[in-house]
Protein backbone atom coordinates (compact mmCIF):
# COMPACT_ATOMS: atom_id res chain seq x y z
CA MET A 1 46.92 -42.27 -57.18
CA ILE A 2 49.71 -44.37 -59.21
CA GLY A 3 49.05 -44.55 -62.76
CA LYS A 4 49.63 -47.28 -65.57
CA ASP A 5 52.24 -49.90 -65.85
CA ASN A 6 54.42 -48.18 -68.09
CA ASP A 7 54.04 -44.73 -66.03
CA PRO A 8 57.59 -43.99 -64.65
CA LEU A 9 55.86 -43.58 -60.98
CA MET A 10 54.38 -47.19 -61.15
CA ILE A 11 57.89 -48.50 -62.19
CA GLU A 12 59.60 -46.73 -59.61
CA TYR A 13 57.41 -47.83 -56.87
CA TYR A 14 57.46 -51.68 -58.11
CA GLU A 15 61.43 -51.35 -58.25
CA LYS A 16 61.32 -50.16 -54.83
CA LYS A 17 58.65 -52.87 -53.54
CA ILE A 18 61.09 -55.22 -55.18
CA TYR A 19 64.09 -53.76 -53.71
CA ASP A 20 62.39 -54.15 -50.14
CA GLN A 21 61.35 -57.67 -50.74
CA LYS A 22 65.17 -58.39 -51.44
CA GLN A 23 66.16 -56.48 -48.21
CA LEU A 24 63.60 -58.31 -46.10
CA ILE A 25 64.82 -61.55 -47.31
CA GLU A 26 68.57 -60.71 -46.83
CA ILE A 27 67.46 -59.46 -43.06
CA SER A 28 65.76 -62.56 -42.17
CA LYS A 29 68.54 -64.69 -43.09
CA ALA A 30 70.88 -62.16 -41.03
CA LEU A 31 68.43 -62.27 -38.04
CA ASN A 32 68.09 -66.00 -38.08
CA SER A 33 71.71 -66.92 -38.39
CA THR A 34 72.62 -65.90 -34.92
CA LEU A 35 70.97 -66.69 -31.44
CA ASP A 36 73.51 -64.28 -29.55
CA TYR A 37 70.92 -62.05 -27.54
CA LYS A 38 73.08 -58.94 -27.63
CA TYR A 39 74.46 -59.21 -31.36
CA LEU A 40 70.98 -59.62 -32.48
CA ILE A 41 69.67 -56.45 -30.78
CA ASP A 42 72.61 -54.54 -32.24
CA ALA A 43 71.75 -56.01 -35.71
CA ILE A 44 67.96 -55.09 -35.23
CA LEU A 45 68.89 -51.16 -34.50
CA ASN A 46 71.43 -51.14 -37.13
CA ILE A 47 69.15 -52.49 -40.08
CA CYS A 48 66.57 -49.65 -38.80
CA LEU A 49 69.20 -47.02 -39.08
CA ALA A 50 70.51 -47.87 -42.26
CA GLN A 51 67.00 -48.78 -43.91
CA LEU A 52 65.23 -45.98 -42.44
CA GLN A 53 66.87 -42.75 -43.09
CA THR A 54 66.95 -42.12 -39.22
CA LEU A 55 69.82 -41.42 -36.73
CA SER A 56 67.88 -42.88 -33.53
CA ALA A 57 66.50 -46.30 -32.94
CA ALA A 58 65.93 -48.25 -29.66
CA ILE A 59 64.60 -51.33 -28.34
CA PHE A 60 62.76 -52.12 -25.31
CA LEU A 61 62.70 -55.71 -24.16
CA SER A 62 61.83 -57.74 -20.88
CA PRO A 63 64.95 -58.30 -18.92
CA GLU A 64 64.02 -62.05 -18.22
CA ALA A 65 61.90 -64.31 -19.68
CA ASP A 66 59.11 -64.12 -17.20
CA SER A 67 59.61 -60.39 -16.50
CA ASN A 68 56.17 -58.11 -16.24
CA TYR A 69 57.78 -55.18 -17.85
CA PHE A 70 60.15 -53.67 -20.89
CA GLU A 71 62.96 -52.01 -20.36
CA LEU A 72 65.19 -50.04 -22.55
CA GLU A 73 68.04 -52.18 -24.08
CA PRO A 74 71.61 -50.25 -23.49
CA SER A 75 72.83 -50.33 -27.13
CA PHE A 76 70.33 -47.82 -28.01
CA LYS A 77 71.16 -45.35 -31.16
CA GLY A 78 71.20 -41.71 -31.24
CA PHE A 79 68.80 -40.83 -28.66
CA ASP A 80 70.26 -38.51 -25.97
CA LEU A 81 69.03 -39.69 -22.36
CA SER A 82 69.20 -39.38 -18.60
CA ASP A 83 69.81 -41.72 -16.31
CA ASP A 84 65.72 -41.74 -15.14
CA ASP A 85 64.76 -42.00 -18.75
CA VAL A 86 67.54 -45.36 -19.24
CA THR A 87 65.51 -46.86 -16.18
CA PHE A 88 62.11 -45.97 -17.37
CA ARG A 89 59.88 -49.33 -17.30
CA ILE A 90 56.88 -49.89 -19.49
CA LYS A 91 54.74 -52.64 -17.96
CA THR A 92 53.78 -55.67 -20.63
CA ASP A 93 50.24 -55.14 -19.73
CA ALA A 94 50.14 -51.12 -20.18
CA PRO A 95 47.36 -49.71 -21.78
CA LEU A 96 49.78 -48.74 -24.74
CA VAL A 97 51.25 -52.26 -25.32
CA THR A 98 47.63 -53.63 -24.93
CA PHE A 99 46.60 -51.17 -27.69
CA LEU A 100 49.39 -52.06 -30.00
CA GLU A 101 48.54 -55.87 -29.60
CA THR A 102 45.35 -55.21 -31.54
CA LYS A 103 47.28 -53.74 -34.30
CA LEU A 104 50.76 -54.86 -34.59
CA LYS A 105 51.81 -52.16 -37.13
CA ALA A 106 54.22 -49.28 -36.83
CA MET A 107 52.53 -45.85 -35.50
CA THR A 108 53.33 -42.54 -34.91
CA PRO A 109 52.62 -41.13 -31.24
CA ASP A 110 50.09 -39.10 -32.67
CA GLN A 111 48.22 -41.94 -34.11
CA VAL A 112 48.14 -43.78 -30.83
CA GLU A 113 46.91 -40.80 -29.14
CA GLU A 114 44.19 -39.80 -31.15
CA ALA A 115 43.21 -44.00 -30.96
CA MET A 116 43.50 -44.52 -27.43
CA GLY A 117 44.50 -41.39 -25.35
CA LEU A 118 47.35 -40.10 -23.96
CA SER A 119 49.23 -42.30 -21.21
CA PRO A 120 52.53 -42.12 -19.34
CA GLU A 121 54.26 -44.73 -21.44
CA LEU A 122 53.18 -42.60 -24.61
CA GLN A 123 53.98 -39.38 -23.28
CA PHE A 124 57.62 -40.60 -21.91
CA LEU A 125 58.29 -42.13 -25.81
CA ARG A 126 57.53 -38.82 -27.18
CA LYS A 127 59.51 -36.72 -24.68
CA ILE A 128 62.65 -38.77 -25.40
CA GLY A 129 62.26 -38.13 -29.23
CA GLY A 130 60.09 -41.26 -30.44
CA ASP A 131 58.68 -40.58 -34.07
CA LEU A 132 57.36 -43.84 -34.83
CA ILE A 133 56.48 -46.89 -32.33
CA ILE A 134 56.56 -50.64 -33.83
CA PRO A 135 55.29 -53.29 -31.54
CA LEU A 136 57.83 -56.62 -31.91
CA ASN A 137 55.73 -59.58 -32.12
CA ALA A 138 56.15 -63.26 -31.79
CA LYS A 139 53.05 -65.68 -32.39
CA GLY A 140 50.54 -62.54 -32.20
CA LYS A 141 51.71 -61.39 -28.80
CA VAL A 142 53.79 -58.30 -28.29
CA ASN A 143 57.53 -59.00 -27.02
CA GLY A 144 59.03 -55.63 -27.34
CA LEU A 145 58.53 -52.33 -28.87
CA LEU A 146 61.06 -50.66 -31.12
CA LEU A 147 61.36 -46.94 -31.34
CA LEU A 148 62.69 -44.54 -34.21
CA GLY A 149 63.41 -40.76 -34.10
CA GLU A 150 62.63 -38.56 -36.75
CA LYS A 151 63.92 -39.23 -40.12
CA ILE A 152 67.22 -37.39 -41.24
CA THR A 153 64.98 -35.46 -43.94
CA LEU A 154 62.47 -34.47 -40.91
CA GLY A 155 59.67 -35.83 -43.86
CA GLU A 156 56.95 -38.10 -43.05
CA TRP A 157 57.04 -41.73 -42.64
CA MET A 158 55.76 -42.98 -46.00
CA GLU A 159 53.16 -46.13 -46.47
CA GLU A 160 55.93 -48.46 -47.83
CA ASP A 161 58.22 -47.41 -44.68
CA ARG A 162 55.59 -48.50 -42.24
CA ASP A 163 55.22 -51.81 -44.15
CA PHE A 164 58.70 -52.76 -44.22
CA LEU A 165 59.02 -51.89 -40.40
CA THR A 166 55.38 -53.98 -40.01
CA THR A 167 57.17 -57.12 -41.58
CA LEU A 168 60.92 -56.49 -39.86
CA SER A 169 59.01 -56.26 -36.33
CA THR A 170 57.75 -60.10 -37.16
CA LEU A 171 60.89 -61.09 -38.12
CA ALA A 172 62.56 -59.14 -35.48
CA GLY A 173 60.31 -60.48 -32.78
CA ILE A 174 60.53 -64.08 -33.69
CA ALA A 175 64.23 -63.84 -33.57
CA VAL A 176 64.18 -62.17 -29.91
CA GLU A 177 62.02 -65.22 -28.89
CA ASN A 178 64.13 -67.65 -30.23
CA SER A 179 67.32 -66.20 -28.67
CA ARG A 180 65.37 -65.77 -25.31
CA LEU A 181 64.87 -69.47 -25.55
CA TYR A 182 68.20 -70.32 -26.39
CA GLU A 183 69.53 -68.16 -23.73
CA LEU A 184 67.42 -69.93 -21.09
CA ALA A 185 68.97 -72.98 -22.27
CA THR A 186 72.58 -71.99 -22.18
CA VAL A 187 72.99 -69.35 -19.34
CA ASP A 188 73.18 -69.94 -15.39
CA MET A 189 70.32 -67.79 -14.49
CA MET A 190 71.86 -66.68 -10.90
CA THR A 191 75.52 -65.67 -12.34
CA GLY A 192 74.50 -64.65 -16.05
CA LEU A 193 77.27 -66.61 -17.28
CA LYS A 194 77.10 -69.48 -19.81
CA VAL A 195 76.91 -72.93 -18.24
CA HIS A 196 79.21 -75.77 -18.55
CA HIS A 197 78.18 -77.57 -21.48
CA TYR A 198 77.93 -74.27 -23.90
CA PHE A 199 81.56 -73.53 -22.40
CA GLN A 200 82.81 -76.92 -23.43
CA THR A 201 81.11 -76.70 -26.78
CA LYS A 202 82.09 -72.84 -27.74
CA LEU A 203 86.07 -73.88 -26.67
CA LYS A 204 85.68 -77.10 -29.00
CA GLU A 205 84.77 -74.61 -31.58
CA GLU A 206 87.18 -71.98 -30.89
CA MET A 207 90.36 -74.60 -30.87
CA GLU A 208 89.13 -75.92 -34.16
CA ARG A 209 89.12 -72.23 -35.14
CA SER A 210 92.45 -71.13 -33.87
CA ARG A 211 93.99 -74.26 -35.24
CA LYS A 212 92.75 -73.56 -38.83
CA LYS A 213 93.42 -69.96 -38.72
CA ARG A 214 96.41 -69.99 -36.43
CA THR A 215 95.18 -67.79 -34.52
CA GLY A 216 95.69 -67.54 -30.38
CA LEU A 217 93.25 -68.62 -27.96
CA ALA A 218 93.77 -68.43 -24.32
CA LEU A 219 91.68 -69.66 -21.38
CA LEU A 220 91.48 -68.36 -17.83
CA PHE A 221 90.14 -70.37 -14.59
CA THR A 222 89.01 -68.31 -11.66
CA ASP A 223 88.43 -69.42 -8.30
CA VAL A 224 87.03 -67.52 -5.23
CA ASP A 225 89.54 -67.62 -2.55
CA ASN A 226 88.83 -69.14 0.89
CA PHE A 227 85.14 -69.85 -0.55
CA LYS A 228 84.27 -73.02 1.46
CA LYS A 229 85.24 -71.14 4.69
CA PHE A 230 83.31 -68.21 3.72
CA ASN A 231 79.71 -70.08 2.98
CA ASP A 232 80.38 -71.97 6.29
CA THR A 233 80.87 -68.40 8.10
CA HIS A 234 78.37 -66.34 6.57
CA GLY A 235 75.77 -68.94 4.99
CA HIS A 236 74.94 -69.79 1.21
CA GLN A 237 72.57 -67.14 0.57
CA ALA A 238 75.52 -64.66 1.43
CA GLY A 239 77.82 -67.10 -1.05
CA ASP A 240 75.42 -66.85 -3.86
CA GLU A 241 75.76 -62.82 -3.42
CA VAL A 242 79.74 -63.07 -3.91
CA LEU A 243 79.29 -65.61 -6.96
CA ILE A 244 76.81 -63.04 -8.72
CA ALA A 245 79.32 -60.00 -7.83
CA VAL A 246 82.62 -61.89 -9.19
CA ALA A 247 80.34 -63.26 -12.20
CA LYS A 248 79.22 -59.42 -13.20
CA LYS A 249 83.07 -58.07 -12.78
CA LEU A 250 83.72 -61.06 -15.02
CA ILE A 251 81.10 -60.33 -17.87
CA GLU A 252 81.95 -56.48 -17.34
CA SER A 253 85.48 -56.95 -18.23
CA ALA A 254 85.32 -59.88 -20.97
CA GLY A 255 85.66 -58.18 -24.42
CA LYS A 256 83.04 -58.43 -27.02
CA HIS A 257 84.10 -62.07 -28.13
CA ASP A 258 84.99 -63.61 -25.39
CA ILE A 259 82.80 -66.11 -23.46
CA ALA A 260 82.26 -66.10 -19.76
CA ALA A 261 81.11 -69.32 -18.32
CA ARG A 262 80.65 -70.97 -14.93
CA TYR A 263 82.70 -74.07 -14.89
CA GLY A 264 81.30 -75.60 -11.54
CA GLY A 265 80.83 -74.06 -8.16
CA GLU A 266 82.66 -71.07 -7.87
CA GLU A 267 85.10 -71.83 -10.66
CA PHE A 268 84.57 -69.63 -13.37
CA CYS A 269 86.06 -69.71 -16.76
CA LEU A 270 86.75 -67.12 -19.75
CA VAL A 271 87.69 -68.54 -23.17
CA MET A 272 89.41 -65.43 -25.07
CA PRO A 273 89.32 -66.02 -29.17
CA GLY A 274 92.60 -64.27 -30.42
CA ALA A 275 94.47 -64.11 -27.24
CA ASP A 276 97.95 -65.19 -26.40
CA LEU A 277 99.19 -66.22 -22.74
CA LYS A 278 100.59 -62.51 -22.27
CA ARG A 279 96.89 -60.84 -23.19
CA GLY A 280 95.30 -63.84 -20.94
CA PHE A 281 97.54 -62.77 -18.21
CA GLU A 282 96.76 -58.94 -18.57
CA MET A 283 92.88 -59.84 -18.53
CA GLY A 284 92.97 -62.22 -15.71
CA GLU A 285 95.02 -59.22 -13.61
CA LYS A 286 92.15 -56.54 -14.98
CA ILE A 287 89.40 -59.28 -13.50
CA ARG A 288 91.24 -59.96 -10.10
CA LYS A 289 91.78 -56.17 -9.12
CA ALA A 290 88.30 -55.29 -10.12
CA VAL A 291 86.89 -58.03 -7.60
CA GLU A 292 89.61 -57.10 -5.09
CA ALA A 293 88.26 -53.54 -5.14
CA SER A 294 84.63 -54.22 -5.04
CA SER A 295 82.33 -54.19 -2.17
CA ILE A 296 79.61 -56.74 -1.88
CA PRO A 297 76.51 -55.74 -0.25
CA ASN A 298 75.93 -58.18 3.20
CA PRO A 299 72.30 -59.87 2.76
CA ASN A 300 72.56 -60.33 6.34
CA GLY A 301 72.87 -56.84 7.31
CA GLY A 302 76.70 -55.83 8.71
CA PRO A 303 79.62 -54.38 6.55
CA ASP A 304 80.16 -55.19 2.96
CA PHE A 305 81.97 -58.46 2.14
CA LYS A 306 85.75 -58.20 0.34
CA VAL A 307 86.63 -61.25 -1.35
CA THR A 308 89.90 -62.03 -3.71
CA LEU A 309 90.27 -64.20 -7.06
CA SER A 310 92.92 -66.56 -7.68
CA ILE A 311 93.15 -67.44 -11.63
CA GLY A 312 95.11 -69.58 -13.91
CA VAL A 313 95.73 -68.78 -17.47
CA SER A 314 96.73 -71.08 -20.24
CA GLU A 315 96.78 -70.79 -24.10
CA ILE A 316 96.46 -73.23 -26.88
CA TRP A 317 99.26 -75.53 -28.03
CA GLN A 318 99.22 -77.24 -31.73
CA ALA A 319 99.70 -80.26 -30.15
CA ASP A 320 96.32 -80.07 -28.00
CA ARG A 321 94.20 -82.90 -28.68
CA ASN A 322 90.98 -81.69 -27.32
CA ASN A 323 89.44 -79.25 -24.42
CA LYS A 324 91.31 -81.45 -22.08
CA ASP A 325 94.76 -80.41 -22.58
CA LEU A 326 93.86 -76.78 -22.72
CA ILE A 327 91.70 -76.95 -19.58
CA GLU A 328 94.31 -78.83 -17.63
CA ARG A 329 97.17 -76.44 -17.84
CA ALA A 330 94.72 -73.67 -17.03
CA ASP A 331 93.62 -75.88 -13.80
CA LYS A 332 97.16 -76.50 -13.12
CA ALA A 333 97.94 -72.59 -13.11
CA LEU A 334 94.85 -71.93 -11.08
CA TYR A 335 96.48 -74.63 -8.55
CA GLU A 336 99.49 -72.94 -8.36
CA ALA A 337 98.10 -69.52 -8.21
CA LYS A 338 95.84 -70.83 -4.96
CA HIS A 339 98.96 -72.48 -3.48
CA SER A 340 101.40 -69.73 -3.74
CA GLY A 341 99.64 -67.10 -2.09
CA LYS A 342 96.31 -66.69 -3.27
CA ASN A 343 94.84 -63.51 -4.74
CA ARG A 344 97.20 -63.77 -7.91
CA THR A 345 97.07 -64.44 -11.66
CA ILE A 346 99.37 -67.29 -12.73
CA PRO A 347 99.96 -68.01 -16.39
CA TYR A 348 100.79 -71.72 -17.16
CA GLN A 349 104.64 -72.58 -17.99
CA PRO A 350 106.10 -76.04 -18.66
CA THR A 351 107.93 -75.65 -15.21
CA SER A 352 104.70 -74.70 -13.28
CA THR A 353 104.07 -76.71 -10.25
CA ASN A 354 101.98 -79.64 -10.97
CA PRO A 355 99.04 -80.44 -8.56
CA ASN A 356 99.40 -84.53 -9.63
């Protein structure tokens, strides 16, 4: 029991509480300053590592807004997991989740087992090295699970650690929910690419930043070769599979700060902050070769599909007035790529063929 107000232990206790409250205020500001889903997840995990003296942190979330299970986010830290571990799913109505929804606080696997018995989900979390389970929550509903490994000191989790995490779980749960809602409004659900209006907004922001800081900015436009003919031959369901596969290669190839978007139909684009025309061309070739080398399953049966891309690249000019100037040059370069043999990347040059 903590002693009188002038007791050194009492002073240390209150100093720790004040420090934790200040940290939570800063964490709240950080979590609410971004709606970028991947950045947010990474921030939550890094906060846990920095604040709670553990080398392992992971988070389980629903991959889609209407999914009935949680899965491990790939940005987990410290845990040594097998392929089967990474693909393990926790149903949103599993006994473990239902139980945690009645508690909404940080608990050890032993505490959970003592209260509700052993379940497959709890057994799994314990097997992979989970030492503390924290339900993320928004509006009183569990929308994810945070899992921490042992403390570096191998010591017990103190009550103040649990209080800190319980507050953090609410902040994180609300931030994740806001990010998910924002993603629904800005992401094309079929391809996973950003939608057109988001692309235009971010391109404008990046152009303004580029002018202010005098840094580069490249823009790629991609188009699936002979896509109309492909749709007419194989049907729209097969066409959708092609678009999904090509979008996946675009997203996988993109850099951390690049913005991959669907411009319209089979036309995709990539905004590359800080890049010049040469880097844009190299990225275009990386994407083009990845698509050319891939095989796309045929939803109608039969052989896999093979498709190619034509890509046009432009870079910002100081004289550019708005998005339209940069987009037009990328579009002209794409036109040249399609009309000079297809399956190639063309960087825009002032001598490029003008389709008009």
